[in-house]
Amino acid sequence: MRRKVIKQGHNTLTITLPSSWVNKFNIKTGDELDVREQGKILSIGTEKSSGTSSVTIDISNLTPPIIWRYILSVYRAGYDEIRVIGFGKSKKNISSSFSPKTNLDYLLNNKITMTSPTDAIIFSTSSSMRTGYDFDWNMNPVETITACVNRLINVEIIEQKENYCVIKELGETTYKEFDNAIRRIFILLNFEAEYIMAAIKGNKNEVKHIHIVDTNLDRFEDFCLRVLNKRGFSDFNKTPVMFTVVFLLEMMGDELKKIGLHLLENKKINTKFMIELFDVQMKQINRFYKLFYNFNKEHVLEIYDEDKKGSELIAKYYKRLNNDEKELLHHFKKIGTFVLNLTELKIDMES
């Protein structure tokens, strides 16, 4: 649509807002709007919601993992209200914990100060289903829905009848919460890396906690994808790039968890070799963390230079590695690739 520029006073130029947009978002006199210059484009936005978006999903005849995937998909898509049908009568009630451990403010505000890997365990819960994607195939749909919702941030089950339930978002979702969640993702990734290094050095008790940390990492990543679908990134044109960044951070976390599981299986490894090889990727993760919040050419060059040194180190040790060590090395190399991919995306975001 096109709007004419109107002159008011000596130096003020104004345009009118489309009435359909004003009504949709209930814009009133005195409201603040986001105005961004993007070259020749001037974008105007609001954090107000356009109303409640809802969706209905039918879980008839679905297994627990697929029920989980259906609910997670619509959660990520950003729906305010999710109606789940098709699970039939049950003697059990669906109940959310409705405790601070699932409350967004508790997860994101300054009350949480994590200074060591062990501190991350404050997010853990008593339900085994909330510690990861391990499914009891004997769980009924009611138990599956409960376990899934308890894992998600800022939503609760608010209604249950004989053959349906309603999951609803509690409160508004803002850009500030997204920024806090992204920072938590980086913190948890570094915790996972610290657990793994401790396990490589011989303290395998530390890596037993990695599943809990990875679960909470996934929770924040799912929440970030939800915000991006619901609100978009603060620089809206960069939303697709940021979506990919979150996705790659999730995949990096999965690789770290796989390394931890391999170490718990009592793999035969040469500690000296593995410490040197993993130290490269551990430092690369931290370098990208710094680059993400303080972008400059020096950080970019350092990441690429250290990746090259890591490749040279792999070539030096490769023929001396046994099969268990080569299996771990495969995951190390994937983490290195993800760091380079993320660095490229960060350059895109700054362009």
Protein backbone atom coordinates (compact mmCIF):
# COMPACT_ATOMS: atom_id res chain seq x y z
CA MET A 1 0.00 0.00 0.00
CA ARG A 2 1.05 3.61 -0.50
CA ARG A 3 0.68 6.59 1.83
CA LYS A 4 1.13 10.31 1.19
CA VAL A 5 3.53 12.26 3.37
CA ILE A 6 1.80 15.09 5.26
CA LYS A 7 3.66 18.16 6.50
CA GLN A 8 2.83 19.35 10.01
CA GLY A 9 4.49 22.51 11.30
CA HIS A 10 7.84 23.60 9.94
CA ASN A 11 9.92 20.41 10.06
CA THR A 12 7.60 17.47 10.84
CA LEU A 13 6.50 14.98 8.19
CA THR A 14 3.89 12.33 9.02
CA ILE A 15 2.06 9.42 7.40
CA THR A 16 -1.11 7.67 8.56
CA LEU A 17 -1.13 4.07 9.78
CA PRO A 18 -3.41 1.58 7.98
CA SER A 19 -6.68 1.29 9.94
CA SER A 20 -6.78 -2.49 9.46
CA TRP A 21 -3.36 -2.83 11.12
CA VAL A 22 -4.29 -0.36 13.88
CA ASN A 23 -7.46 -2.30 14.68
CA LYS A 24 -5.77 -5.71 14.45
CA PHE A 25 -3.18 -4.79 17.07
CA ASN A 26 -5.35 -2.37 19.06
CA ILE A 27 -2.96 0.56 18.57
CA LYS A 28 -3.96 3.59 20.63
CA THR A 29 -2.74 7.16 21.13
CA GLY A 30 0.37 7.13 23.31
CA ASP A 31 1.47 3.59 22.36
CA GLU A 32 5.13 3.13 21.46
CA LEU A 33 6.03 1.52 18.13
CA ASP A 34 9.33 0.12 16.89
CA VAL A 35 10.63 2.13 13.91
CA ARG A 36 13.67 0.78 12.04
CA GLU A 37 15.59 2.18 9.08
CA GLN A 38 16.68 -0.51 6.59
CA GLY A 39 18.15 1.35 3.64
CA LYS A 40 15.26 2.77 1.64
CA ILE A 41 12.78 0.84 3.80
CA LEU A 42 11.26 2.19 7.01
CA SER A 43 9.62 -0.61 9.03
CA ILE A 44 7.08 0.00 11.80
CA GLY A 45 6.23 -2.74 14.27
CA THR A 46 4.64 -3.50 17.62
CA GLU A 47 5.15 -6.17 20.24
CA LYS A 48 1.39 -6.38 20.79
CA SER A 49 -0.31 -9.62 19.88
CA SER A 50 -2.98 -9.65 17.20
CA GLY A 51 -5.13 -11.89 19.37
CA THR A 52 -5.07 -15.52 20.43
CA SER A 53 -3.94 -17.97 17.78
CA SER A 54 -5.15 -21.52 18.28
CA VAL A 55 -4.74 -24.93 16.70
CA THR A 56 -6.26 -28.39 17.20
CA ILE A 57 -4.22 -31.57 16.90
CA ASP A 58 -5.64 -35.10 16.79
CA ILE A 59 -3.38 -37.68 18.46
CA SER A 60 -5.59 -40.72 17.82
CA ASN A 61 -3.54 -43.92 17.49
CA LEU A 62 -0.21 -42.11 17.82
CA THR A 63 2.73 -43.45 19.84
CA PRO A 64 4.29 -41.38 22.66
CA PRO A 65 7.27 -40.11 20.57
CA ILE A 66 4.95 -38.96 17.77
CA ILE A 67 2.53 -37.32 20.21
CA TRP A 68 5.54 -35.48 21.63
CA ARG A 69 6.61 -34.36 18.16
CA TYR A 70 3.11 -33.09 17.27
CA ILE A 71 2.86 -30.98 20.44
CA LEU A 72 6.43 -29.71 20.13
CA SER A 73 5.85 -28.69 16.50
CA VAL A 74 2.81 -26.51 17.24
CA TYR A 75 4.57 -25.08 20.30
CA ARG A 76 7.52 -24.04 18.16
CA ALA A 77 5.13 -22.63 15.57
CA GLY A 78 4.04 -20.06 18.17
CA TYR A 79 0.39 -20.91 18.82
CA ASP A 80 -1.09 -19.34 21.96
CA GLU A 81 -3.59 -22.14 22.53
CA ILE A 82 -3.26 -25.82 21.62
CA ARG A 83 -6.29 -28.09 21.79
CA VAL A 84 -5.38 -31.79 21.88
CA ILE A 85 -8.09 -34.29 20.96
CA GLY A 86 -8.28 -38.00 20.30
CA PHE A 87 -6.85 -39.54 23.46
CA GLY A 88 -10.10 -41.04 24.77
CA LYS A 89 -11.21 -41.48 28.34
CA SER A 90 -8.67 -41.89 31.10
CA LYS A 91 -8.87 -42.35 34.84
CA LYS A 92 -5.77 -40.23 35.20
CA ASN A 93 -5.86 -36.45 35.25
CA ILE A 94 -3.51 -34.35 33.22
CA SER A 95 -1.59 -32.10 35.54
CA SER A 96 1.17 -29.61 34.98
CA SER A 97 3.64 -28.98 37.75
CA PHE A 98 2.86 -25.24 37.72
CA SER A 99 5.97 -24.69 39.78
CA PRO A 100 8.76 -22.13 39.54
CA LYS A 101 10.81 -24.71 37.66
CA THR A 102 8.54 -24.33 34.64
CA ASN A 103 7.89 -20.61 35.06
CA LEU A 104 9.55 -18.41 32.44
CA ASP A 105 10.45 -15.69 34.93
CA TYR A 106 12.28 -18.23 37.09
CA LEU A 107 14.16 -19.60 34.10
CA LEU A 108 15.19 -16.28 32.62
CA ASN A 109 15.43 -13.67 35.34
CA ASN A 110 18.46 -12.72 37.38
CA LYS A 111 17.58 -15.04 40.24
CA ILE A 112 19.45 -17.74 38.33
CA THR A 113 23.19 -17.23 38.51
CA MET A 114 24.92 -20.28 37.08
CA THR A 115 28.65 -20.19 37.78
CA SER A 116 29.46 -23.89 37.41
CA PRO A 117 28.12 -26.89 35.51
CA THR A 118 26.51 -28.28 38.65
CA ASP A 119 24.32 -25.18 38.99
CA ALA A 120 22.50 -26.15 35.80
CA ILE A 121 20.87 -29.04 37.64
CA ILE A 122 18.52 -26.60 39.38
CA PHE A 123 16.36 -26.96 36.28
CA SER A 124 15.93 -30.73 36.71
CA THR A 125 12.62 -32.22 37.78
CA SER A 126 11.38 -35.37 39.44
CA SER A 127 9.70 -36.78 36.35
CA SER A 128 11.99 -39.03 34.31
CA MET A 129 10.27 -37.94 31.11
CA ARG A 130 11.41 -34.37 31.75
CA THR A 131 15.06 -35.40 31.59
CA GLY A 132 15.08 -36.01 27.86
CA TYR A 133 13.56 -37.73 24.89
CA ASP A 134 13.51 -41.22 26.41
CA PHE A 135 10.03 -42.63 25.95
CA ASP A 136 8.19 -45.29 27.86
CA TRP A 137 6.15 -46.89 25.11
CA ASN A 138 3.65 -48.04 27.74
CA MET A 139 2.76 -44.48 28.71
CA ASN A 140 -0.81 -43.55 27.92
CA PRO A 141 -1.56 -40.34 25.98
CA VAL A 142 -2.46 -38.46 29.16
CA GLU A 143 0.93 -39.19 30.72
CA THR A 144 2.70 -38.35 27.47
CA ILE A 145 0.97 -34.97 27.12
CA THR A 146 1.75 -34.13 30.74
CA ALA A 147 5.43 -35.02 30.34
CA CYS A 148 5.71 -33.02 27.14
CA VAL A 149 4.04 -29.86 28.46
CA ASN A 150 6.10 -29.94 31.64
CA ARG A 151 9.19 -29.71 29.45
CA LEU A 152 8.03 -26.59 27.59
CA ILE A 153 8.60 -23.00 28.75
CA ASN A 154 5.73 -20.60 29.43
CA VAL A 155 2.80 -22.91 28.65
CA GLU A 156 0.52 -24.95 30.92
CA ILE A 157 -2.43 -27.32 30.66
CA ILE A 158 -5.42 -25.22 31.73
CA GLU A 159 -8.34 -27.53 30.93
CA GLN A 160 -9.04 -31.26 30.69
CA LYS A 161 -12.17 -33.13 29.68
CA GLU A 162 -12.83 -36.78 28.89
CA ASN A 163 -11.42 -36.66 25.37
CA TYR A 164 -9.50 -33.41 25.03
CA CYS A 165 -7.26 -30.95 26.83
CA VAL A 166 -6.21 -27.34 26.26
CA ILE A 167 -2.62 -26.11 26.53
CA LYS A 168 -2.22 -22.35 26.79
CA GLU A 169 0.56 -19.78 26.87
CA LEU A 170 0.95 -17.86 30.12
CA GLY A 171 1.85 -14.22 29.61
CA GLU A 172 3.34 -12.33 26.67
CA THR A 173 6.48 -13.35 24.80
CA THR A 174 8.97 -10.54 24.21
CA TYR A 175 12.32 -9.97 22.49
CA LYS A 176 14.01 -9.56 25.87
CA GLU A 177 13.08 -13.11 26.82
CA PHE A 178 14.53 -14.31 23.52
CA ASP A 179 17.85 -12.55 24.20
CA ASN A 180 18.04 -14.06 27.68
CA ALA A 181 17.24 -17.53 26.36
CA ILE A 182 19.95 -17.34 23.68
CA ARG A 183 22.51 -16.41 26.32
CA ARG A 184 21.41 -19.38 28.44
CA ILE A 185 21.95 -21.67 25.45
CA PHE A 186 25.58 -20.56 25.19
CA ILE A 187 26.08 -21.00 28.93
CA LEU A 188 24.67 -24.53 28.84
CA LEU A 189 26.78 -25.47 25.80
CA ASN A 190 29.88 -24.44 27.73
CA PHE A 191 28.69 -26.49 30.70
CA GLU A 192 28.33 -29.56 28.48
CA ALA A 193 31.84 -29.05 27.11
CA GLU A 194 33.22 -28.76 30.66
CA TYR A 195 31.50 -32.01 31.66
CA ILE A 196 33.02 -33.79 28.67
CA MET A 197 36.53 -32.50 29.34
CA ALA A 198 36.24 -33.65 32.95
CA ALA A 199 35.14 -37.11 31.75
CA ILE A 200 38.01 -37.36 29.25
CA LYS A 201 40.40 -36.58 32.10
CA GLY A 202 38.88 -39.47 34.08
CA ASN A 203 36.01 -37.99 36.10
CA LYS A 204 33.08 -39.75 34.44
CA ASN A 205 30.71 -38.87 37.26
CA GLU A 206 30.55 -35.33 35.85
CA VAL A 207 29.30 -36.44 32.44
CA LYS A 208 26.34 -38.27 34.01
CA HIS A 209 24.68 -34.86 34.34
CA ILE A 210 24.99 -34.01 30.65
CA HIS A 211 21.56 -35.44 29.79
CA ILE A 212 19.89 -33.04 32.22
CA VAL A 213 21.82 -30.06 30.88
CA ASP A 214 21.06 -31.04 27.27
CA THR A 215 17.35 -31.29 28.06
CA ASN A 216 17.32 -27.74 29.40
CA LEU A 217 19.35 -26.65 26.40
CA ASP A 218 16.61 -28.08 24.18
CA ARG A 219 13.96 -26.26 26.21
CA PHE A 220 15.56 -22.88 25.58
CA GLU A 221 16.12 -23.69 21.92
CA ASP A 222 12.48 -24.69 21.47
CA PHE A 223 11.46 -21.47 23.20
CA CYS A 224 13.71 -19.40 20.91
CA LEU A 225 12.21 -21.02 17.80
CA ARG A 226 8.76 -20.27 19.21
CA VAL A 227 9.64 -16.59 19.68
CA LEU A 228 11.08 -16.34 16.16
CA ASN A 229 7.94 -17.84 14.64
CA LYS A 230 5.67 -15.76 16.84
CA ARG A 231 7.48 -12.40 16.85
CA GLY A 232 10.37 -12.62 14.44
CA PHE A 233 13.91 -11.48 15.24
CA SER A 234 14.52 -7.89 16.37
CA ASP A 235 15.99 -7.25 12.91
CA PHE A 236 13.11 -8.89 11.08
CA ASN A 237 15.01 -9.43 7.81
CA LYS A 238 17.52 -11.56 9.74
CA THR A 239 14.85 -13.89 11.17
CA PRO A 240 15.64 -16.83 8.81
CA VAL A 241 19.36 -16.52 9.62
CA MET A 242 18.68 -16.46 13.37
CA PHE A 243 16.39 -19.47 13.01
CA THR A 244 19.30 -21.39 11.47
CA VAL A 245 21.65 -20.23 14.22
CA VAL A 246 19.34 -21.66 16.90
CA PHE A 247 18.96 -24.90 14.95
CA LEU A 248 22.75 -25.34 14.64
CA LEU A 249 23.25 -24.60 18.34
CA GLU A 250 20.77 -27.37 19.07
CA MET A 251 22.66 -29.78 16.81
CA MET A 252 25.92 -28.84 18.51
CA GLY A 253 24.37 -29.66 21.87
CA ASP A 254 23.25 -33.03 20.52
CA GLU A 255 26.81 -33.82 19.40
CA LEU A 256 28.15 -32.94 22.84
CA LYS A 257 25.60 -35.26 24.42
CA LYS A 258 26.61 -38.10 22.07
CA ILE A 259 30.23 -37.63 23.10
CA GLY A 260 29.20 -37.84 26.74
CA LEU A 261 27.24 -41.04 26.16
CA HIS A 262 30.21 -42.62 24.36
CA LEU A 263 32.48 -41.76 27.28
CA LEU A 264 30.02 -43.34 29.72
CA GLU A 265 30.21 -46.58 27.76
CA ASN A 266 33.78 -46.99 29.03
CA LYS A 267 35.38 -46.47 25.63
CA LYS A 268 39.11 -47.20 25.49
CA ILE A 269 40.76 -43.87 24.82
CA ASN A 270 44.18 -42.28 25.03
CA THR A 271 43.55 -39.44 27.44
CA LYS A 272 46.41 -37.26 26.15
CA PHE A 273 45.26 -37.39 22.53
CA MET A 274 41.60 -36.83 23.34
CA ILE A 275 42.31 -33.91 25.68
CA GLU A 276 44.27 -32.12 22.95
CA LEU A 277 41.70 -32.85 20.24
CA PHE A 278 38.64 -31.90 22.29
CA ASP A 279 40.31 -28.82 23.74
CA VAL A 280 40.36 -27.36 20.22
CA GLN A 281 36.57 -27.62 19.87
CA MET A 282 35.88 -26.57 23.45
CA LYS A 283 37.78 -23.34 22.87
CA GLN A 284 36.09 -22.85 19.48
CA ILE A 285 32.67 -22.98 21.13
CA ASN A 286 33.74 -20.28 23.56
CA ARG A 287 35.24 -18.19 20.74
CA PHE A 288 31.96 -18.20 18.86
CA TYR A 289 30.14 -17.23 22.06
CA LYS A 290 32.40 -14.16 22.26
CA LEU A 291 31.99 -13.45 18.54
CA PHE A 292 28.21 -13.59 18.79
CA TYR A 293 28.12 -10.82 21.39
CA ASN A 294 31.19 -8.88 20.24
CA PHE A 295 31.51 -9.23 16.49
CA ASN A 296 34.81 -8.15 14.94
CA LYS A 297 37.20 -9.31 12.23
CA GLU A 298 39.85 -10.38 14.72
CA HIS A 299 37.49 -12.91 16.34
CA VAL A 300 36.48 -14.23 12.90
CA LEU A 301 40.10 -14.69 11.83
CA GLU A 302 40.94 -16.41 15.11
CA ILE A 303 38.14 -18.96 14.65
CA TYR A 304 39.29 -19.82 11.13
CA ASP A 305 42.98 -19.96 12.14
CA GLU A 306 42.28 -22.24 15.10
CA ASP A 307 40.11 -24.51 12.94
CA LYS A 308 43.06 -24.94 10.58
CA LYS A 309 45.34 -25.78 13.52
CA GLY A 310 42.76 -28.30 14.70
CA SER A 311 42.77 -30.01 11.30
CA GLU A 312 46.56 -30.23 11.44
CA LEU A 313 46.36 -31.78 14.91
CA ILE A 314 43.88 -34.38 13.66
CA ALA A 315 46.22 -35.28 10.79
CA LYS A 316 49.06 -35.66 13.28
CA TYR A 317 47.22 -38.11 15.55
CA TYR A 318 44.73 -39.84 13.26
CA LYS A 319 46.76 -42.98 12.41
CA ARG A 320 47.49 -43.50 16.09
CA LEU A 321 43.84 -43.50 17.14
CA ASN A 322 41.86 -46.67 17.84
CA ASN A 323 38.29 -47.18 16.62
CA ASP A 324 36.73 -45.80 19.82
CA GLU A 325 38.83 -42.65 19.55
CA LYS A 326 37.97 -42.24 15.87
CA GLU A 327 34.30 -42.48 16.78
CA LEU A 328 34.74 -39.62 19.25
CA LEU A 329 36.78 -37.68 16.72
CA HIS A 330 33.88 -37.88 14.27
CA HIS A 331 31.73 -35.93 16.75
CA PHE A 332 34.58 -33.49 17.49
CA LYS A 333 34.85 -32.69 13.78
CA LYS A 334 31.10 -32.13 13.47
CA ILE A 335 31.25 -29.60 16.30
CA GLY A 336 34.07 -27.82 14.48
CA THR A 337 31.98 -27.71 11.30
CA PHE A 338 29.03 -26.27 13.21
CA VAL A 339 31.24 -23.52 14.67
CA LEU A 340 32.38 -22.53 11.17
CA ASN A 341 28.78 -22.61 9.89
CA LEU A 342 27.68 -20.42 12.80
CA THR A 343 30.53 -18.00 12.16
CA GLU A 344 29.43 -17.65 8.53
CA LEU A 345 25.86 -16.98 9.68
CA LYS A 346 27.06 -14.34 12.14
CA ILE A 347 28.89 -12.61 9.29
CA ASP A 348 25.60 -12.69 7.35
CA MET A 349 23.81 -11.10 10.30
CA GLU A 350 26.32 -8.28 10.44
CA SER A 351 26.22 -7.60 6.69
